[in-house]
C-alpha atoms as a PDB file:
ATOM      1  CA  MET A   1       0.000   0.000   0.000  1.00  0.00           C
ATOM      2  CA  ARG A   2       1.311   3.432  -0.916  1.00  0.00           C
ATOM      3  CA  PRO A   3       1.743   5.862   1.940  1.00  0.00           C
ATOM      4  CA  VAL A   4      -1.064   8.457   2.126  1.00  0.00           C
ATOM      5  CA  PHE A   5       1.081  11.106   3.829  1.00  0.00           C
ATOM      6  CA  PRO A   6       2.424  12.698   0.638  1.00  0.00           C
ATOM      7  CA  LEU A   7      -1.107  13.050  -0.726  1.00  0.00           C
ATOM      8  CA  ALA A   8      -2.392  14.424   2.549  1.00  0.00           C
ATOM      9  CA  LEU A   9       0.549  16.799   2.684  1.00  0.00           C
ATOM     10  CA  ALA A  10      -0.109  17.972  -0.859  1.00  0.00           C
ATOM     11  CA  ILE A  11      -3.768  18.611  -0.057  1.00  0.00           C
ATOM     12  CA  ALA A  12      -2.808  20.523   3.082  1.00  0.00           C
ATOM     13  CA  MET A  13      -0.325  22.609   1.156  1.00  0.00           C
ATOM     14  CA  MET A  14      -2.924  23.428  -1.489  1.00  0.00           C
ATOM     15  CA  GLY A  15      -5.312  24.468   1.243  1.00  0.00           C
ATOM     16  CA  SER A  16      -2.657  26.661   2.816  1.00  0.00           C
ATOM     17  CA  LEU A  17      -1.885  28.313  -0.494  1.00  0.00           C
ATOM     18  CA  ALA A  18      -5.580  28.944  -1.121  1.00  0.00           C
ATOM     19  CA  MET A  19      -5.932  30.439   2.343  1.00  0.00           C
ATOM     20  CA  ALA A  20      -2.868  32.658   1.844  1.00  0.00           C
ATOM     21  CA  HIS A  21      -4.280  33.888  -1.466  1.00  0.00           C
ATOM     22  CA  ALA A  22      -7.635  34.613   0.129  1.00  0.00           C
ATOM     23  CA  GLN A  23      -5.929  36.542   2.920  1.00  0.00           C
ATOM     24  CA  SER A  24      -3.947  38.605   0.411  1.00  0.00           C
ATOM     25  CA  ILE A  25      -7.138  39.805  -1.285  1.00  0.00           C
ATOM     26  CA  ILE A  26      -8.391  43.186  -0.048  1.00  0.00           C
ATOM     27  CA  ARG A  27     -12.169  43.248  -0.023  1.00  0.00           C
ATOM     28  CA  VAL A  28     -13.323  46.656  -1.250  1.00  0.00           C
ATOM     29  CA  GLY A  29     -16.691  48.287  -0.710  1.00  0.00           C
ATOM     30  CA  VAL A  30     -18.047  51.059  -2.939  1.00  0.00           C
ATOM     31  CA  ILE A  31     -20.265  53.883  -1.710  1.00  0.00           C
ATOM     32  CA  GLY A  32     -21.988  55.624  -4.602  1.00  0.00           C
ATOM     33  CA  LEU A  33     -23.034  54.029  -7.892  1.00  0.00           C
ATOM     34  CA  ASP A  34     -23.905  57.378  -9.460  1.00  0.00           C
ATOM     35  CA  THR A  35     -20.664  58.146 -11.279  1.00  0.00           C
ATOM     36  CA  SER A  36     -18.758  56.631 -14.167  1.00  0.00           C
ATOM     37  CA  HIS A  37     -15.740  56.324 -11.869  1.00  0.00           C
ATOM     38  CA  ALA A  38     -17.319  53.418 -10.007  1.00  0.00           C
ATOM     39  CA  GLY A  39     -17.557  51.263 -13.115  1.00  0.00           C
ATOM     40  CA  ALA A  40     -14.259  52.462 -14.569  1.00  0.00           C
ATOM     41  CA  PHE A  41     -12.300  51.765 -11.378  1.00  0.00           C
ATOM     42  CA  ALA A  42     -13.935  48.330 -11.039  1.00  0.00           C
ATOM     43  CA  LYS A  43     -12.987  47.414 -14.624  1.00  0.00           C
ATOM     44  CA  ILE A  44      -9.363  48.444 -14.072  1.00  0.00           C
ATOM     45  CA  MET A  45      -9.182  46.270 -10.949  1.00  0.00           C
ATOM     46  CA  ARG A  46     -10.743  43.246 -12.687  1.00  0.00           C
ATOM     47  CA  GLU A  47      -8.347  43.438 -15.617  1.00  0.00           C
ATOM     48  CA  ALA A  48      -5.198  44.244 -13.634  1.00  0.00           C
ATOM     49  CA  PRO A  49      -2.182  42.015 -14.360  1.00  0.00           C
ATOM     50  CA  ALA A  50      -1.203  39.579 -11.614  1.00  0.00           C
ATOM     51  CA  ASN A  51       1.975  41.506 -10.758  1.00  0.00           C
ATOM     52  CA  SER A  52       0.084  44.764 -10.164  1.00  0.00           C
ATOM     53  CA  PRO A  53      -0.965  45.915  -6.669  1.00  0.00           C
ATOM     54  CA  MET A  54      -4.426  46.415  -8.187  1.00  0.00           C
ATOM     55  CA  SER A  55      -4.829  42.636  -8.615  1.00  0.00           C
ATOM     56  CA  LYS A  56      -5.198  42.340  -4.822  1.00  0.00           C
ATOM     57  CA  LEU A  57      -8.339  44.486  -4.809  1.00  0.00           C
ATOM     58  CA  LYS A  58     -11.734  42.851  -5.155  1.00  0.00           C
ATOM     59  CA  ILE A  59     -14.962  44.818  -4.986  1.00  0.00           C
ATOM     60  CA  VAL A  60     -17.386  42.656  -3.031  1.00  0.00           C
ATOM     61  CA  ALA A  61     -20.191  45.042  -2.008  1.00  0.00           C
ATOM     62  CA  ALA A  62     -21.692  48.374  -2.985  1.00  0.00           C
ATOM     63  CA  PHE A  63     -24.158  50.899  -1.579  1.00  0.00           C
ATOM     64  CA  PRO A  64     -25.828  52.705  -4.538  1.00  0.00           C
ATOM     65  CA  GLY A  65     -26.691  56.069  -2.919  1.00  0.00           C
ATOM     66  CA  GLY A  66     -27.591  58.854  -5.353  1.00  0.00           C
ATOM     67  CA  SER A  67     -28.880  62.431  -5.012  1.00  0.00           C
ATOM     68  CA  PRO A  68     -32.440  63.100  -6.262  1.00  0.00           C
ATOM     69  CA  ASP A  69     -31.787  66.823  -6.804  1.00  0.00           C
ATOM     70  CA  ILE A  70     -28.845  66.192  -9.168  1.00  0.00           C
ATOM     71  CA  PRO A  71     -30.094  64.425 -12.330  1.00  0.00           C
ATOM     72  CA  SER A  72     -26.582  63.390 -13.392  1.00  0.00           C
ATOM     73  CA  SER A  73     -26.371  61.505 -10.085  1.00  0.00           C
ATOM     74  CA  ILE A  74     -29.733  59.826  -9.545  1.00  0.00           C
ATOM     75  CA  ASP A  75     -30.302  58.972 -13.216  1.00  0.00           C
ATOM     76  CA  ARG A  76     -27.139  56.858 -13.309  1.00  0.00           C
ATOM     77  CA  VAL A  77     -27.851  54.691 -10.274  1.00  0.00           C
ATOM     78  CA  PRO A  78     -30.086  52.010 -11.885  1.00  0.00           C
ATOM     79  CA  ASN A  79     -27.695  51.118 -14.716  1.00  0.00           C
ATOM     80  CA  TYR A  80     -24.555  51.108 -12.584  1.00  0.00           C
ATOM     81  CA  THR A  81     -26.340  49.017  -9.953  1.00  0.00           C
ATOM     82  CA  LYS A  82     -27.277  46.454 -12.589  1.00  0.00           C
ATOM     83  CA  GLU A  83     -23.713  46.479 -13.919  1.00  0.00           C
ATOM     84  CA  PHE A  84     -22.287  45.709 -10.472  1.00  0.00           C
ATOM     85  CA  GLN A  85     -24.895  43.007  -9.809  1.00  0.00           C
ATOM     86  CA  SER A  86     -23.997  41.326 -13.109  1.00  0.00           C
ATOM     87  CA  GLN A  87     -20.416  41.013 -11.833  1.00  0.00           C
ATOM     88  CA  GLY A  88     -21.544  39.204  -8.682  1.00  0.00           C
ATOM     89  CA  ILE A  89     -21.062  42.244  -6.433  1.00  0.00           C
ATOM     90  CA  GLU A  90     -23.510  42.346  -3.542  1.00  0.00           C
ATOM     91  CA  ILE A  91     -25.743  45.436  -3.360  1.00  0.00           C
ATOM     92  CA  VAL A  92     -26.495  46.500   0.213  1.00  0.00           C
ATOM     93  CA  ASP A  93     -29.016  48.950   1.623  1.00  0.00           C
ATOM     94  CA  SER A  94     -26.796  50.792   4.096  1.00  0.00           C
ATOM     95  CA  ILE A  95     -23.210  51.850   4.660  1.00  0.00           C
ATOM     96  CA  GLU A  96     -23.227  49.986   7.970  1.00  0.00           C
ATOM     97  CA  ALA A  97     -24.087  46.745   6.138  1.00  0.00           C
ATOM     98  CA  LEU A  98     -21.312  47.446   3.635  1.00  0.00           C
ATOM     99  CA  LEU A  99     -18.717  47.888   6.371  1.00  0.00           C
ATOM    100  CA  GLU A 100     -19.415  44.427   7.766  1.00  0.00           C
ATOM    101  CA  LYS A 101     -18.274  42.854   4.485  1.00  0.00           C
ATOM    102  CA  VAL A 102     -15.170  44.839   3.462  1.00  0.00           C
ATOM    103  CA  ASP A 103     -11.599  45.754   4.413  1.00  0.00           C
ATOM    104  CA  ALA A 104     -11.436  49.148   2.691  1.00  0.00           C
ATOM    105  CA  VAL A 105     -13.821  51.637   1.081  1.00  0.00           C
ATOM    106  CA  MET A 106     -14.010  53.775  -2.036  1.00  0.00           C
ATOM    107  CA  LEU A 107     -16.442  56.647  -1.480  1.00  0.00           C
ATOM    108  CA  ASN A 108     -17.382  57.526  -5.048  1.00  0.00           C
ATOM    109  CA  SER A 109     -20.626  59.455  -4.550  1.00  0.00           C
ATOM    110  CA  LEU A 110     -20.859  62.167  -7.198  1.00  0.00           C
ATOM    111  CA  ASP A 111     -22.431  64.655  -4.776  1.00  0.00           C
ATOM    112  CA  GLY A 112     -19.828  66.213  -2.501  1.00  0.00           C
ATOM    113  CA  ARG A 113     -22.561  67.214  -0.038  1.00  0.00           C
ATOM    114  CA  LYS A 114     -22.980  63.544   0.844  1.00  0.00           C
ATOM    115  CA  HIS A 115     -19.353  62.854   1.701  1.00  0.00           C
ATOM    116  CA  LEU A 116     -19.238  64.097   5.284  1.00  0.00           C
ATOM    117  CA  GLU A 117     -22.291  62.085   6.315  1.00  0.00           C
ATOM    118  CA  GLN A 118     -21.274  58.996   4.353  1.00  0.00           C
ATOM    119  CA  VAL A 119     -17.644  58.894   5.491  1.00  0.00           C
ATOM    120  CA  LEU A 120     -18.439  59.212   9.216  1.00  0.00           C
ATOM    121  CA  PRO A 121     -19.333  55.513   9.762  1.00  0.00           C
ATOM    122  CA  VAL A 122     -16.271  54.532   7.720  1.00  0.00           C
ATOM    123  CA  PHE A 123     -14.020  56.613   9.961  1.00  0.00           C
ATOM    124  CA  LYS A 124     -15.646  55.061  13.019  1.00  0.00           C
ATOM    125  CA  SER A 125     -14.893  51.593  11.628  1.00  0.00           C
ATOM    126  CA  GLY A 126     -11.200  52.435  11.193  1.00  0.00           C
ATOM    127  CA  LYS A 127     -11.192  51.085   7.617  1.00  0.00           C
ATOM    128  CA  ARG A 128      -9.043  52.947   5.106  1.00  0.00           C
ATOM    129  CA  VAL A 129     -11.036  55.058   2.668  1.00  0.00           C
ATOM    130  CA  PHE A 130     -10.461  56.825  -0.626  1.00  0.00           C
ATOM    131  CA  ILE A 131     -12.825  59.791  -1.151  1.00  0.00           C
ATOM    132  CA  ASP A 132     -13.338  60.570  -4.807  1.00  0.00           C
ATOM    133  CA  LYS A 133     -13.322  64.157  -5.998  1.00  0.00           C
ATOM    134  CA  PRO A 134     -14.609  66.492  -4.844  1.00  0.00           C
ATOM    135  CA  LEU A 135     -13.631  65.978  -1.207  1.00  0.00           C
ATOM    136  CA  ALA A 136     -16.760  67.933  -0.265  1.00  0.00           C
ATOM    137  CA  ALA A 137     -19.135  70.520  -1.694  1.00  0.00           C
ATOM    138  CA  ASP A 138     -17.510  73.300   0.329  1.00  0.00           C
ATOM    139  CA  LEU A 139     -14.545  74.073   2.547  1.00  0.00           C
ATOM    140  CA  THR A 140     -16.436  73.703   5.831  1.00  0.00           C
ATOM    141  CA  ASP A 141     -17.303  70.061   5.144  1.00  0.00           C
ATOM    142  CA  ALA A 142     -13.765  69.398   3.871  1.00  0.00           C
ATOM    143  CA  ILE A 143     -12.259  70.604   7.149  1.00  0.00           C
ATOM    144  CA  ALA A 144     -14.842  68.623   9.122  1.00  0.00           C
ATOM    145  CA  ILE A 145     -13.877  65.449   7.223  1.00  0.00           C
ATOM    146  CA  ALA A 146     -10.195  65.998   8.022  1.00  0.00           C
ATOM    147  CA  LYS A 147     -10.957  66.641  11.709  1.00  0.00           C
ATOM    148  CA  LEU A 148     -13.184  63.559  12.013  1.00  0.00           C
ATOM    149  CA  ALA A 149     -10.526  61.355  10.418  1.00  0.00           C
ATOM    150  CA  GLU A 150      -7.989  62.671  12.911  1.00  0.00           C
ATOM    151  CA  HIS A 151     -10.406  62.082  15.802  1.00  0.00           C
ATOM    152  CA  TYR A 152     -11.032  58.454  14.792  1.00  0.00           C
ATOM    153  CA  LYS A 153      -7.416  57.947  13.645  1.00  0.00           C
ATOM    154  CA  THR A 154      -8.516  56.570  10.273  1.00  0.00           C
ATOM    155  CA  PRO A 155      -6.253  56.937   7.196  1.00  0.00           C
ATOM    156  CA  TRP A 156      -7.846  58.522   4.127  1.00  0.00           C
ATOM    157  CA  PHE A 157      -7.017  60.465   1.009  1.00  0.00           C
ATOM    158  CA  THR A 158      -8.731  62.201  -1.862  1.00  0.00           C
ATOM    159  CA  SER A 159      -7.482  63.064  -5.326  1.00  0.00           C
ATOM    160  CA  SER A 160      -8.396  63.841  -8.881  1.00  0.00           C
ATOM    161  CA  SER A 161      -7.030  61.331 -11.368  1.00  0.00           C
ATOM    162  CA  LEU A 162      -5.099  64.233 -12.925  1.00  0.00           C
ATOM    163  CA  ARG A 163      -2.635  64.324 -10.023  1.00  0.00           C
ATOM    164  CA  PHE A 164      -1.147  60.885 -10.677  1.00  0.00           C
ATOM    165  CA  THR A 165      -1.044  61.028 -14.448  1.00  0.00           C
ATOM    166  CA  PRO A 166       2.704  60.558 -15.128  1.00  0.00           C
ATOM    167  CA  THR A 167       3.253  63.803 -17.050  1.00  0.00           C
ATOM    168  CA  VAL A 168       1.773  65.748 -14.111  1.00  0.00           C
ATOM    169  CA  TYR A 169       3.012  63.742 -11.121  1.00  0.00           C
ATOM    170  CA  ARG A 170       6.629  63.957 -12.296  1.00  0.00           C
ATOM    171  CA  TYR A 171       6.745  67.459 -10.790  1.00  0.00           C
ATOM    172  CA  ARG A 172       5.992  66.036  -7.360  1.00  0.00           C
ATOM    173  CA  GLU A 173       8.399  63.113  -7.777  1.00  0.00           C
ATOM    174  CA  LYS A 174      11.339  65.267  -8.903  1.00  0.00           C
ATOM    175  CA  SER A 175      11.481  67.700  -6.011  1.00  0.00           C
ATOM    176  CA  ASP A 176      15.002  68.847  -6.940  1.00  0.00           C
ATOM    177  CA  ARG A 177      13.621  70.763  -9.931  1.00  0.00           C
ATOM    178  CA  LYS A 178      12.969  74.362  -8.896  1.00  0.00           C
ATOM    179  CA  ILE A 179       9.465  75.398 -10.014  1.00  0.00           C
ATOM    180  CA  LEU A 180       8.799  79.131 -10.293  1.00  0.00           C
ATOM    181  CA  GLY A 181       5.162  78.927 -11.362  1.00  0.00           C
ATOM    182  CA  ALA A 182       2.541  76.919 -13.242  1.00  0.00           C
ATOM    183  CA  HIS A 183      -0.558  77.350 -15.383  1.00  0.00           C
ATOM    184  CA  ALA A 184      -3.158  74.540 -15.404  1.00  0.00           C
ATOM    185  CA  TRP A 185      -6.429  74.218 -17.272  1.00  0.00           C
ATOM    186  CA  SER A 186      -9.396  71.868 -17.410  1.00  0.00           C
ATOM    187  CA  PRO A 187     -13.121  71.782 -18.171  1.00  0.00           C
ATOM    188  CA  CYS A 188     -15.057  73.656 -15.491  1.00  0.00           C
ATOM    189  CA  SER A 189     -18.791  72.957 -15.622  1.00  0.00           C
ATOM    190  CA  LEU A 190     -20.731  74.214 -12.589  1.00  0.00           C
ATOM    191  CA  GLU A 191     -23.361  72.646 -10.309  1.00  0.00           C
ATOM    192  CA  PRO A 192     -25.570  74.912  -8.153  1.00  0.00           C
ATOM    193  CA  HIS A 193     -25.226  72.867  -4.948  1.00  0.00           C
ATOM    194  CA  HIS A 194     -21.414  73.045  -4.968  1.00  0.00           C
ATOM    195  CA  THR A 195     -18.791  75.740  -4.614  1.00  0.00           C
ATOM    196  CA  ASP A 196     -18.070  76.494  -8.270  1.00  0.00           C
ATOM    197  CA  LEU A 197     -14.673  74.911  -8.899  1.00  0.00           C
ATOM    198  CA  THR A 198     -15.290  71.780  -6.815  1.00  0.00           C
ATOM    199  CA  TRP A 199     -17.628  70.276  -9.387  1.00  0.00           C
ATOM    200  CA  TYR A 200     -15.224  69.877 -12.295  1.00  0.00           C
ATOM    201  CA  GLY A 201     -12.589  72.569 -12.073  1.00  0.00           C
ATOM    202  CA  ILE A 202     -11.093  70.504  -9.242  1.00  0.00           C
ATOM    203  CA  HIS A 203      -9.211  68.511 -11.894  1.00  0.00           C
ATOM    204  CA  GLY A 204      -7.199  71.499 -13.075  1.00  0.00           C
ATOM    205  CA  VAL A 205      -6.733  72.900  -9.570  1.00  0.00           C
ATOM    206  CA  GLU A 206      -5.362  69.532  -8.432  1.00  0.00           C
ATOM    207  CA  ALA A 207      -2.892  69.479 -11.322  1.00  0.00           C
ATOM    208  CA  LEU A 208      -1.810  73.021 -10.396  1.00  0.00           C
ATOM    209  CA  TYR A 209      -1.194  72.004  -6.781  1.00  0.00           C
ATOM    210  CA  THR A 210       0.673  68.872  -7.828  1.00  0.00           C
ATOM    211  CA  ALA A 211       3.262  71.134  -9.444  1.00  0.00           C
ATOM    212  CA  MET A 212       3.176  74.050  -6.988  1.00  0.00           C
ATOM    213  CA  GLY A 213       2.651  72.325  -3.638  1.00  0.00           C
ATOM    214  CA  VAL A 214       0.992  73.964  -0.631  1.00  0.00           C
ATOM    215  CA  GLY A 215       1.507  77.538   0.526  1.00  0.00           C
ATOM    216  CA  CYS A 216      -0.953  79.669  -1.464  1.00  0.00           C
ATOM    217  CA  ASP A 217      -1.514  82.985   0.300  1.00  0.00           C
ATOM    218  CA  GLU A 218      -4.000  84.946  -1.827  1.00  0.00           C
ATOM    219  CA  VAL A 219      -6.436  84.199  -4.650  1.00  0.00           C
ATOM    220  CA  THR A 220      -8.085  86.372  -7.300  1.00  0.00           C
ATOM    221  CA  ARG A 221     -10.737  85.091  -9.698  1.00  0.00           C
ATOM    222  CA  THR A 222     -12.151  86.495 -12.905  1.00  0.00           C
ATOM    223  CA  LYS A 223     -15.352  84.727 -13.974  1.00  0.00           C
ATOM    224  CA  THR A 224     -17.321  85.002 -17.206  1.00  0.00           C
ATOM    225  CA  GLU A 225     -20.050  82.794 -18.619  1.00  0.00           C
ATOM    226  CA  GLY A 226     -17.580  80.569 -20.445  1.00  0.00           C
ATOM    227  CA  THR A 227     -14.305  80.999 -18.586  1.00  0.00           C
ATOM    228  CA  ASP A 228     -12.685  81.177 -15.163  1.00  0.00           C
ATOM    229  CA  VAL A 229      -9.206  82.539 -14.561  1.00  0.00           C
ATOM    230  CA  VAL A 230      -7.937  82.109 -11.002  1.00  0.00           C
ATOM    231  CA  VAL A 231      -4.563  83.533  -9.987  1.00  0.00           C
ATOM    232  CA  GLY A 232      -2.951  82.309  -6.792  1.00  0.00           C
ATOM    233  CA  ARG A 233      -0.009  84.026  -5.146  1.00  0.00           C
ATOM    234  CA  TRP A 234       2.098  81.691  -3.024  1.00  0.00           C
ATOM    235  CA  LYS A 235       3.822  82.814   0.192  1.00  0.00           C
ATOM    236  CA  ASP A 236       7.248  82.537  -1.442  1.00  0.00           C
ATOM    237  CA  GLY A 237       6.231  84.855  -4.289  1.00  0.00           C
ATOM    238  CA  ARG A 238       5.487  82.195  -6.911  1.00  0.00           C
ATOM    239  CA  VAL A 239       2.328  82.514  -9.001  1.00  0.00           C
ATOM    240  CA  GLY A 240       0.019  79.700 -10.086  1.00  0.00           C
ATOM    241  CA  VAL A 241      -2.876  80.106 -12.503  1.00  0.00           C
ATOM    242  CA  PHE A 242      -5.921  77.920 -13.146  1.00  0.00           C
ATOM    243  CA  ARG A 243      -8.071  78.404 -16.264  1.00  0.00           C
ATOM    244  CA  GLY A 244     -11.508  76.776 -16.200  1.00  0.00           C
ATOM    245  CA  ILE A 245     -13.121  76.169 -19.582  1.00  0.00           C
ATOM    246  CA  ARG A 246     -16.888  76.102 -20.151  1.00  0.00           C
ATOM    247  CA  SER A 247     -17.057  77.159 -23.797  1.00  0.00           C
ATOM    248  CA  GLY A 248     -14.943  76.445 -26.849  1.00  0.00           C
ATOM    249  CA  THR A 249     -12.476  73.583 -27.143  1.00  0.00           C
ATOM    250  CA  GLN A 250     -11.997  71.809 -23.827  1.00  0.00           C
ATOM    251  CA  GLY A 251      -9.123  69.754 -22.516  1.00  0.00           C
ATOM    252  CA  TYR A 252      -6.617  69.246 -19.720  1.00  0.00           C
ATOM    253  CA  GLY A 253      -3.143  70.654 -19.511  1.00  0.00           C
ATOM    254  CA  LEU A 254      -0.325  72.046 -17.395  1.00  0.00           C
ATOM    255  CA  THR A 255       2.521  74.395 -18.212  1.00  0.00           C
ATOM    256  CA  VAL A 256       5.322  74.533 -15.652  1.00  0.00           C
ATOM    257  CA  PHE A 257       7.855  77.365 -15.474  1.00  0.00           C
ATOM    258  CA  GLY A 258      11.115  76.241 -13.881  1.00  0.00           C
ATOM    259  CA  ALA A 259      14.411  77.855 -13.022  1.00  0.00           C
ATOM    260  CA  ASP A 260      16.073  76.003 -15.902  1.00  0.00           C
ATOM    261  CA  PHE A 261      13.143  74.545 -17.862  1.00  0.00           C
ATOM    262  CA  LEU A 262       9.731  75.338 -19.343  1.00  0.00           C
ATOM    263  CA  GLU A 263       7.475  72.365 -20.099  1.00  0.00           C
ATOM    264  CA  ASN A 264       3.932  72.163 -21.408  1.00  0.00           C
ATOM    265  CA  ASP A 265       3.484  68.540 -22.493  1.00  0.00           C
ATOM    266  CA  ALA A 266       1.366  67.350 -19.533  1.00  0.00           C
ATOM    267  CA  LYS A 267      -1.843  65.573 -20.481  1.00  0.00           C
ATOM    268  CA  TYR A 268      -4.635  63.422 -19.067  1.00  0.00           C
ATOM    269  CA  GLU A 269      -3.679  59.716 -19.189  1.00  0.00           C
ATOM    270  CA  GLY A 270      -6.624  57.851 -17.677  1.00  0.00           C
ATOM    271  CA  TYR A 271      -7.658  56.512 -14.271  1.00  0.00           C
ATOM    272  CA  GLU A 272      -5.189  53.670 -13.848  1.00  0.00           C
ATOM    273  CA  PRO A 273      -2.391  55.678 -12.165  1.00  0.00           C
ATOM    274  CA  LEU A 274      -4.874  56.774  -9.479  1.00  0.00           C
ATOM    275  CA  VAL A 275      -6.203  53.238  -8.971  1.00  0.00           C
ATOM    276  CA  VAL A 276      -2.628  52.014  -8.486  1.00  0.00           C
ATOM    277  CA  GLU A 277      -2.208  54.561  -5.675  1.00  0.00           C
ATOM    278  CA  ILE A 278      -5.514  53.481  -4.121  1.00  0.00           C
ATOM    279  CA  ALA A 279      -4.348  49.845  -4.200  1.00  0.00           C
ATOM    280  CA  LYS A 280      -1.020  50.629  -2.511  1.00  0.00           C
ATOM    281  CA  PHE A 281      -2.810  52.729   0.114  1.00  0.00           C
ATOM    282  CA  PHE A 282      -5.397  50.008   0.837  1.00  0.00           C
ATOM    283  CA  ALA A 283      -2.543  47.526   1.269  1.00  0.00           C
ATOM    284  CA  GLY A 284      -1.160  49.638   4.113  1.00  0.00           C
ATOM    285  CA  GLY A 285       1.017  52.065   2.180  1.00  0.00           C
ATOM    286  CA  ALA A 286       1.631  55.708   3.027  1.00  0.00           C
ATOM    287  CA  THR A 287      -1.102  58.267   2.452  1.00  0.00           C
ATOM    288  CA  PRO A 288      -0.391  59.517  -1.105  1.00  0.00           C
ATOM    289  CA  VAL A 289      -1.929  62.988  -0.617  1.00  0.00           C
ATOM    290  CA  LEU A 290      -1.716  64.531   2.840  1.00  0.00           C
ATOM    291  CA  PRO A 291      -4.875  66.030   4.384  1.00  0.00           C
ATOM    292  CA  GLN A 292      -3.206  69.451   4.680  1.00  0.00           C
ATOM    293  CA  GLU A 293      -2.852  69.674   0.907  1.00  0.00           C
ATOM    294  CA  SER A 294      -6.362  68.419   0.144  1.00  0.00           C
ATOM    295  CA  VAL A 295      -7.858  70.955   2.566  1.00  0.00           C
ATOM    296  CA  GLU A 296      -5.761  73.801   1.134  1.00  0.00           C
ATOM    297  CA  ILE A 297      -6.988  72.933  -2.361  1.00  0.00           C
ATOM    298  CA  MET A 298     -10.533  73.361  -1.076  1.00  0.00           C
ATOM    299  CA  ALA A 299      -9.522  76.655   0.581  1.00  0.00           C
ATOM    300  CA  PHE A 300      -8.080  77.848  -2.751  1.00  0.00           C
ATOM    301  CA  ILE A 301     -11.431  77.032  -4.367  1.00  0.00           C
ATOM    302  CA  GLN A 302     -13.392  78.747  -1.574  1.00  0.00           C
ATOM    303  CA  ALA A 303     -11.220  81.867  -1.827  1.00  0.00           C
ATOM    304  CA  ALA A 304     -11.800  81.896  -5.596  1.00  0.00           C
ATOM    305  CA  GLN A 305     -15.547  81.758  -4.975  1.00  0.00           C
ATOM    306  CA  GLN A 306     -15.396  84.647  -2.522  1.00  0.00           C
ATOM    307  CA  SER A 307     -13.242  86.639  -4.916  1.00  0.00           C
ATOM    308  CA  SER A 308     -15.756  86.396  -7.754  1.00  0.00           C
ATOM    309  CA  ASP A 309     -18.610  87.129  -5.328  1.00  0.00           C
ATOM    310  CA  SER A 310     -16.656  90.290  -4.413  1.00  0.00           C
ATOM    311  CA  LYS A 311     -16.228  91.346  -8.065  1.00  0.00           C
ATOM    312  CA  GLY A 312     -12.685  90.083  -8.385  1.00  0.00           C
ATOM    313  CA  MET A 313     -11.165  91.341  -5.143  1.00  0.00           C
ATOM    314  CA  PRO A 314      -8.169  89.364  -3.808  1.00  0.00           C
ATOM    315  CA  VAL A 315      -9.070  86.979  -0.970  1.00  0.00           C
ATOM    316  CA  SER A 316      -6.736  85.563   1.656  1.00  0.00           C
ATOM    317  CA  VAL A 317      -6.651  81.766   1.875  1.00  0.00           C
ATOM    318  CA  GLN A 318      -6.099  82.076   5.618  1.00  0.00           C
ATOM    319  CA  SER A 319      -9.264  84.162   6.041  1.00  0.00           C
ATOM    320  CA  VAL A 320     -11.513  81.564   4.416  1.00  0.00           C
ATOM    321  CA  MET A 321      -9.790  78.819   6.402  1.00  0.00           C
ATOM    322  CA  GLU A 322     -10.441  80.573   9.706  1.00  0.00           C
ATOM    323  CA  LYS A 323     -14.119  81.136   8.987  1.00  0.00           C
ATOM    324  CA  ALA A 324     -14.705  77.606   7.702  1.00  0.00           C
ATOM    325  CA  THR A 325     -12.804  76.060  10.623  1.00  0.00           C
ATOM    326  CA  GLU A 326     -15.140  77.727  13.126  1.00  0.00           C
ATOM    327  CA  GLN A 327     -18.136  76.275  11.279  1.00  0.00           C
ATOM    328  CA  ALA A 328     -16.491  72.867  10.901  1.00  0.00           C
ATOM    329  CA  ASP A 329     -15.697  72.645  14.619  1.00  0.00           C
ATOM    330  CA  LYS A 330     -19.391  73.012  15.431  1.00  0.00           C
ATOM    331  CA  LYS A 331     -20.302  70.249  12.971  1.00  0.00           C
ATOM    332  CA  VAL A 332     -17.638  67.921  14.287  1.00  0.00           C
ATOM    333  CA  GLN A 333     -18.627  68.386  17.933  1.00  0.00           C
ATOM    334  CA  ALA A 334     -22.227  67.551  17.076  1.00  0.00           C
ATOM    335  CA  MET A 335     -21.190  64.434  15.167  1.00  0.00           C
ATOM    336  CA  ILE A 336     -18.913  62.918  17.810  1.00  0.00           C
ATOM    337  CA  ARG A 337     -21.235  63.384  20.792  1.00  0.00           C
END
């Protein structure tokens, strides 16, 4: 009779390997099936090569959400819900139910007004979360999100996909190159429930900040029906400009003025670079965009709004931060009681 030990050992080893593989998979939950990002991110994860950090992500559950007063949100929910169901992803009726089934969360809700309320239970759970753009509909909620994350000690980040596109992110990776200024542009459609530039102009503002870094002191905005031009003056004297496009030919771009270079070949290169960063973050990696920078981007946008409301007067970033922080503190105290 042949010994059974080798067979038993082989079976045990196969079981161990299967268990190790299962443990290496990061179960991801999605909040918000009202944006094309949800489906696009899911497709990138499914098709990721085995050697990519994205291959470890598996979306297992989703909470559809949707905002009835934004047609481009609520009208998308049925089709994206069906798409996720067809892939075997469980659809749940609450964020609390979602959190019981996942290791990490992508908050993709199109409506920035929903983010503060929707991210609170995620922060309480301690599960890492990526918050899709915009971080919030206004600066007050953005600061409240950052304060709640700090209170619950939960890692998070937010970003436009423009930041990590290689021809843009190179300016953050190569910190030895002295940048004197930058000029970014992107489409800039508006939505009445959001501070103007959060809705779509956030893409160009994020690209601008990727090159310039934090430290904007003062913002001036000129707004017409088809165009926004926002000029930011940094504390060290550098100048960054964002142009938002609502009429004419639209696109994404970034010109960077350096001490010994001038480059204008940056372009949009898809969602995959962002999804790679999400995967590394969900696996325990460092936070790819620090909260300080994400909040300052929202302060830049808020100052731009106040500038145009004041007929183009310059507005201090610090002044809008102070006002919004007072309002955010009240919200946070009410939410953690």
